[in-house]
Amino acid sequence: AKTMMAFPPFRSQVHGTDVLQFDSANIGLAVALDDGLRVPVIMGVEKQTLAQLADTTRATIQQARDGKAVNAGLGTFTISNLGMTETEEFTAIINPPEAAILAVGRSKDDVKIVNGKVKATKTMTLWLSSDHRIIDGMLAARFLADLKAILEQPERIAG
């Protein structure tokens, strides 16, 4: 949500030739059910604390599993997470009329070199699909760089 607020096109929907930009980060959650995929939407994510968002997310996913269409059609961005499986990377397909979707793979143990020393770390792959009519490749790359910085330094969320 913080990154979406910094990059307004990610808070947009495309309707024909019109682009509707929202003031808030309305994020859809891809929820797999036995009879297909549902995408409930959490509205105004940027206004919630992490604790509130965790509660809202659990409740929203449960409502989707119970068959309720939570804020259907109001999302601008969806997160599709297959991290609970062995899937490391995948490409998610945008839910029209949304601007983009983020595919989240599983985290894994890894190593990196910091100041010439090997350091144990966790890594995960994020894949971004965007509607090129409003989000070009350079804007998508800047969005991902900002998101990466926040994920690597979560204290930035409060800032």
C-alpha atoms as a PDB file:
ATOM      1  CA  ALA A   1       0.000   0.000   0.000  1.00  0.00           C
ATOM      2  CA  LYS A   2       2.839   2.386   0.831  1.00  0.00           C
ATOM      3  CA  THR A   3       4.406   1.795  -2.577  1.00  0.00           C
ATOM      4  CA  MET A   4       1.020   2.112  -4.287  1.00  0.00           C
ATOM      5  CA  MET A   5       0.505   5.499  -2.633  1.00  0.00           C
ATOM      6  CA  ALA A   6       3.862   6.652  -4.046  1.00  0.00           C
ATOM      7  CA  PHE A   7       2.942   5.413  -7.544  1.00  0.00           C
ATOM      8  CA  PRO A   8      -0.635   6.585  -8.323  1.00  0.00           C
ATOM      9  CA  PRO A   9      -1.078   4.592 -11.582  1.00  0.00           C
ATOM     10  CA  PHE A  10      -1.069   1.436  -9.422  1.00  0.00           C
ATOM     11  CA  ARG A  11      -4.290   2.741  -7.861  1.00  0.00           C
ATOM     12  CA  SER A  12      -6.089   2.796 -11.202  1.00  0.00           C
ATOM     13  CA  GLN A  13      -8.592   0.838 -13.226  1.00  0.00           C
ATOM     14  CA  VAL A  14      -9.031   0.852 -17.004  1.00  0.00           C
ATOM     15  CA  HIS A  15     -12.583   1.134 -18.354  1.00  0.00           C
ATOM     16  CA  GLY A  16     -12.512   1.146 -22.144  1.00  0.00           C
ATOM     17  CA  THR A  17     -10.439   4.207 -23.030  1.00  0.00           C
ATOM     18  CA  ASP A  18     -10.925   5.804 -19.610  1.00  0.00           C
ATOM     19  CA  VAL A  19      -8.569   5.461 -16.659  1.00  0.00           C
ATOM     20  CA  LEU A  20     -10.105   5.858 -13.205  1.00  0.00           C
ATOM     21  CA  GLN A  21      -7.591   6.648 -10.466  1.00  0.00           C
ATOM     22  CA  PHE A  22      -8.492   5.915  -6.838  1.00  0.00           C
ATOM     23  CA  ASP A  23      -7.306   7.914  -3.825  1.00  0.00           C
ATOM     24  CA  SER A  24      -6.679   4.743  -1.794  1.00  0.00           C
ATOM     25  CA  ALA A  25      -4.790   1.481  -2.183  1.00  0.00           C
ATOM     26  CA  ASN A  26      -7.578  -1.063  -2.740  1.00  0.00           C
ATOM     27  CA  ILE A  27      -5.820  -4.412  -2.813  1.00  0.00           C
ATOM     28  CA  GLY A  28      -7.340  -7.676  -3.994  1.00  0.00           C
ATOM     29  CA  LEU A  29      -6.248 -11.002  -2.549  1.00  0.00           C
ATOM     30  CA  ALA A  30      -6.290 -14.027  -4.843  1.00  0.00           C
ATOM     31  CA  VAL A  31      -8.055 -16.747  -2.832  1.00  0.00           C
ATOM     32  CA  ALA A  32      -8.156 -20.262  -4.263  1.00  0.00           C
ATOM     33  CA  LEU A  33     -11.358 -22.187  -3.557  1.00  0.00           C
ATOM     34  CA  ASP A  34     -12.447 -25.661  -4.629  1.00  0.00           C
ATOM     35  CA  ASP A  35     -14.715 -24.146  -7.292  1.00  0.00           C
ATOM     36  CA  GLY A  36     -12.296 -21.493  -8.571  1.00  0.00           C
ATOM     37  CA  LEU A  37     -10.574 -18.264  -7.717  1.00  0.00           C
ATOM     38  CA  ARG A  38     -12.096 -15.361  -5.786  1.00  0.00           C
ATOM     39  CA  VAL A  39     -10.537 -11.929  -5.399  1.00  0.00           C
ATOM     40  CA  PRO A  40     -11.936 -10.123  -2.359  1.00  0.00           C
ATOM     41  CA  VAL A  41     -10.695  -6.541  -2.011  1.00  0.00           C
ATOM     42  CA  ILE A  42      -9.446  -4.750   1.078  1.00  0.00           C
ATOM     43  CA  MET A  43     -10.239  -1.062   0.753  1.00  0.00           C
ATOM     44  CA  GLY A  44      -7.966   1.746   1.930  1.00  0.00           C
ATOM     45  CA  VAL A  45      -5.096  -0.511   2.956  1.00  0.00           C
ATOM     46  CA  GLU A  46      -2.782   2.480   3.499  1.00  0.00           C
ATOM     47  CA  LYS A  47      -4.981   3.650   6.403  1.00  0.00           C
ATOM     48  CA  GLN A  48      -4.520   0.444   8.423  1.00  0.00           C
ATOM     49  CA  THR A  49      -1.767  -0.507  10.839  1.00  0.00           C
ATOM     50  CA  LEU A  50      -0.016  -3.818  10.200  1.00  0.00           C
ATOM     51  CA  ALA A  51      -1.970  -5.409  13.066  1.00  0.00           C
ATOM     52  CA  GLN A  52      -5.283  -4.122  11.682  1.00  0.00           C
ATOM     53  CA  LEU A  53      -4.335  -5.277   8.197  1.00  0.00           C
ATOM     54  CA  ALA A  54      -3.490  -8.771   9.457  1.00  0.00           C
ATOM     55  CA  ASP A  55      -6.930  -9.013  11.105  1.00  0.00           C
ATOM     56  CA  THR A  56      -8.692  -7.551   8.062  1.00  0.00           C
ATOM     57  CA  THR A  57      -6.849  -9.922   5.727  1.00  0.00           C
ATOM     58  CA  ARG A  58      -7.813 -13.015   7.731  1.00  0.00           C
ATOM     59  CA  ALA A  59     -11.448 -11.898   7.940  1.00  0.00           C
ATOM     60  CA  THR A  60     -11.603 -10.991   4.234  1.00  0.00           C
ATOM     61  CA  ILE A  61     -10.156 -14.341   3.147  1.00  0.00           C
ATOM     62  CA  GLN A  62     -12.623 -16.177   5.384  1.00  0.00           C
ATOM     63  CA  GLN A  63     -15.545 -14.200   3.944  1.00  0.00           C
ATOM     64  CA  ALA A  64     -14.387 -15.145   0.423  1.00  0.00           C
ATOM     65  CA  ARG A  65     -14.196 -18.811   1.474  1.00  0.00           C
ATOM     66  CA  ASP A  66     -17.730 -18.458   2.863  1.00  0.00           C
ATOM     67  CA  GLY A  67     -18.923 -17.332  -0.575  1.00  0.00           C
ATOM     68  CA  LYS A  68     -19.192 -13.585   0.045  1.00  0.00           C
ATOM     69  CA  ALA A  69     -18.091 -11.170  -2.688  1.00  0.00           C
ATOM     70  CA  VAL A  70     -16.092  -8.669  -0.626  1.00  0.00           C
ATOM     71  CA  ASN A  71     -15.799  -5.298  -2.426  1.00  0.00           C
ATOM     72  CA  ALA A  72     -15.903  -7.109  -5.773  1.00  0.00           C
ATOM     73  CA  GLY A  73     -14.707  -5.005  -8.683  1.00  0.00           C
ATOM     74  CA  LEU A  74     -13.226  -2.227  -6.541  1.00  0.00           C
ATOM     75  CA  GLY A  75      -9.603  -3.379  -6.570  1.00  0.00           C
ATOM     76  CA  THR A  76      -6.805  -1.707  -8.472  1.00  0.00           C
ATOM     77  CA  PHE A  77      -4.055  -4.185  -7.625  1.00  0.00           C
ATOM     78  CA  THR A  78      -4.090  -7.861  -6.614  1.00  0.00           C
ATOM     79  CA  ILE A  79      -1.601 -10.002  -4.724  1.00  0.00           C
ATOM     80  CA  SER A  80      -1.388 -13.659  -5.705  1.00  0.00           C
ATOM     81  CA  ASN A  81       0.692 -15.677  -3.246  1.00  0.00           C
ATOM     82  CA  LEU A  82       1.801 -19.231  -3.924  1.00  0.00           C
ATOM     83  CA  GLY A  83       4.473 -19.054  -1.239  1.00  0.00           C
ATOM     84  CA  MET A  84       2.747 -21.777   0.772  1.00  0.00           C
ATOM     85  CA  THR A  85       3.541 -24.209  -2.038  1.00  0.00           C
ATOM     86  CA  GLU A  86       6.892 -25.173  -3.506  1.00  0.00           C
ATOM     87  CA  THR A  87       6.332 -22.603  -6.258  1.00  0.00           C
ATOM     88  CA  GLU A  88       9.267 -20.217  -6.371  1.00  0.00           C
ATOM     89  CA  GLU A  89       8.109 -18.055  -9.252  1.00  0.00           C
ATOM     90  CA  PHE A  90       5.102 -17.662 -11.509  1.00  0.00           C
ATOM     91  CA  THR A  91       3.363 -15.094 -13.657  1.00  0.00           C
ATOM     92  CA  ALA A  92      -0.059 -13.931 -12.491  1.00  0.00           C
ATOM     93  CA  ILE A  93      -2.674 -12.606 -14.898  1.00  0.00           C
ATOM     94  CA  ILE A  94      -4.185  -9.165 -14.280  1.00  0.00           C
ATOM     95  CA  ASN A  95      -7.806  -9.052 -13.117  1.00  0.00           C
ATOM     96  CA  PRO A  96      -9.447  -6.492 -15.433  1.00  0.00           C
ATOM     97  CA  PRO A  97     -10.061  -3.619 -14.903  1.00  0.00           C
ATOM     98  CA  GLU A  98      -7.188  -3.532 -12.381  1.00  0.00           C
ATOM     99  CA  ALA A  99      -3.841  -1.889 -13.134  1.00  0.00           C
ATOM    100  CA  ALA A 100      -1.536  -4.675 -11.945  1.00  0.00           C
ATOM    101  CA  ILE A 101      -1.025  -7.940 -10.062  1.00  0.00           C
ATOM    102  CA  LEU A 102       1.917  -9.114  -7.963  1.00  0.00           C
ATOM    103  CA  ALA A 103       2.888 -12.794  -7.969  1.00  0.00           C
ATOM    104  CA  VAL A 104       4.636 -13.868  -4.747  1.00  0.00           C
ATOM    105  CA  GLY A 105       6.658 -17.074  -4.681  1.00  0.00           C
ATOM    106  CA  ARG A 106       7.911 -19.025  -1.675  1.00  0.00           C
ATOM    107  CA  SER A 107      10.803 -17.742   0.383  1.00  0.00           C
ATOM    108  CA  LYS A 108      13.947 -19.814   0.520  1.00  0.00           C
ATOM    109  CA  ASP A 109      17.268 -19.880   2.304  1.00  0.00           C
ATOM    110  CA  ASP A 110      20.028 -18.213   0.342  1.00  0.00           C
ATOM    111  CA  VAL A 111      23.394 -16.522   0.783  1.00  0.00           C
ATOM    112  CA  LYS A 112      24.713 -13.145  -0.266  1.00  0.00           C
ATOM    113  CA  ILE A 113      28.025 -11.351   0.000  1.00  0.00           C
ATOM    114  CA  VAL A 114      28.045  -8.317   2.336  1.00  0.00           C
ATOM    115  CA  ASN A 115      31.323  -6.414   2.699  1.00  0.00           C
ATOM    116  CA  GLY A 116      33.216  -9.416   1.366  1.00  0.00           C
ATOM    117  CA  LYS A 117      31.620 -11.856   3.807  1.00  0.00           C
ATOM    118  CA  VAL A 118      29.064 -14.585   3.191  1.00  0.00           C
ATOM    119  CA  LYS A 119      25.787 -13.948   4.981  1.00  0.00           C
ATOM    120  CA  ALA A 120      22.794 -16.277   5.325  1.00  0.00           C
ATOM    121  CA  THR A 121      19.572 -14.694   4.120  1.00  0.00           C
ATOM    122  CA  LYS A 122      16.065 -15.437   2.874  1.00  0.00           C
ATOM    123  CA  THR A 123      14.989 -14.561  -0.650  1.00  0.00           C
ATOM    124  CA  MET A 124      11.753 -14.690  -2.609  1.00  0.00           C
ATOM    125  CA  THR A 125      10.765 -13.828  -6.137  1.00  0.00           C
ATOM    126  CA  LEU A 126       8.147 -11.220  -6.955  1.00  0.00           C
ATOM    127  CA  TRP A 127       6.721 -10.981 -10.476  1.00  0.00           C
ATOM    128  CA  LEU A 128       4.711  -7.941 -11.508  1.00  0.00           C
ATOM    129  CA  SER A 129       2.213  -7.954 -14.373  1.00  0.00           C
ATOM    130  CA  SER A 130       0.801  -4.566 -15.317  1.00  0.00           C
ATOM    131  CA  ASP A 131      -1.582  -3.048 -17.825  1.00  0.00           C
ATOM    132  CA  HIS A 132       0.824  -1.298 -20.191  1.00  0.00           C
ATOM    133  CA  ARG A 133      -1.792   1.287 -21.133  1.00  0.00           C
ATOM    134  CA  ILE A 134      -1.153   2.960 -17.747  1.00  0.00           C
ATOM    135  CA  ILE A 135       2.008   1.364 -16.323  1.00  0.00           C
ATOM    136  CA  ASP A 136       5.029   1.072 -18.601  1.00  0.00           C
ATOM    137  CA  GLY A 137       8.123  -1.008 -17.910  1.00  0.00           C
ATOM    138  CA  MET A 138      10.151   1.807 -16.342  1.00  0.00           C
ATOM    139  CA  LEU A 139       7.365   2.743 -13.923  1.00  0.00           C
ATOM    140  CA  ALA A 140       6.921  -0.935 -13.038  1.00  0.00           C
ATOM    141  CA  ALA A 141      10.677  -1.247 -12.372  1.00  0.00           C
ATOM    142  CA  ARG A 142      10.635   1.820 -10.099  1.00  0.00           C
ATOM    143  CA  PHE A 143       7.605   0.413  -8.247  1.00  0.00           C
ATOM    144  CA  LEU A 144       9.366  -2.926  -7.706  1.00  0.00           C
ATOM    145  CA  ALA A 145      12.566  -1.206  -6.532  1.00  0.00           C
ATOM    146  CA  ASP A 146      10.574   0.761  -3.945  1.00  0.00           C
ATOM    147  CA  LEU A 147       8.681  -2.346  -2.845  1.00  0.00           C
ATOM    148  CA  LYS A 148      11.956  -4.281  -2.512  1.00  0.00           C
ATOM    149  CA  ALA A 149      13.456  -1.516  -0.357  1.00  0.00           C
ATOM    150  CA  ILE A 150      10.421  -1.576   1.950  1.00  0.00           C
ATOM    151  CA  LEU A 151      10.470  -5.361   2.255  1.00  0.00           C
ATOM    152  CA  GLU A 152      14.194  -5.314   3.034  1.00  0.00           C
ATOM    153  CA  GLN A 153      13.783  -2.485   5.552  1.00  0.00           C
ATOM    154  CA  PRO A 154      10.308  -2.859   7.082  1.00  0.00           C
ATOM    155  CA  GLU A 155      10.914   0.079   9.407  1.00  0.00           C
ATOM    156  CA  ARG A 156      10.233   2.233   6.331  1.00  0.00           C
ATOM    157  CA  ILE A 157       6.566   1.239   6.564  1.00  0.00           C
ATOM    158  CA  ALA A 158       6.113   3.424   9.617  1.00  0.00           C
ATOM    159  CA  GLY A 159       7.924   6.347   7.986  1.00  0.00           C
END
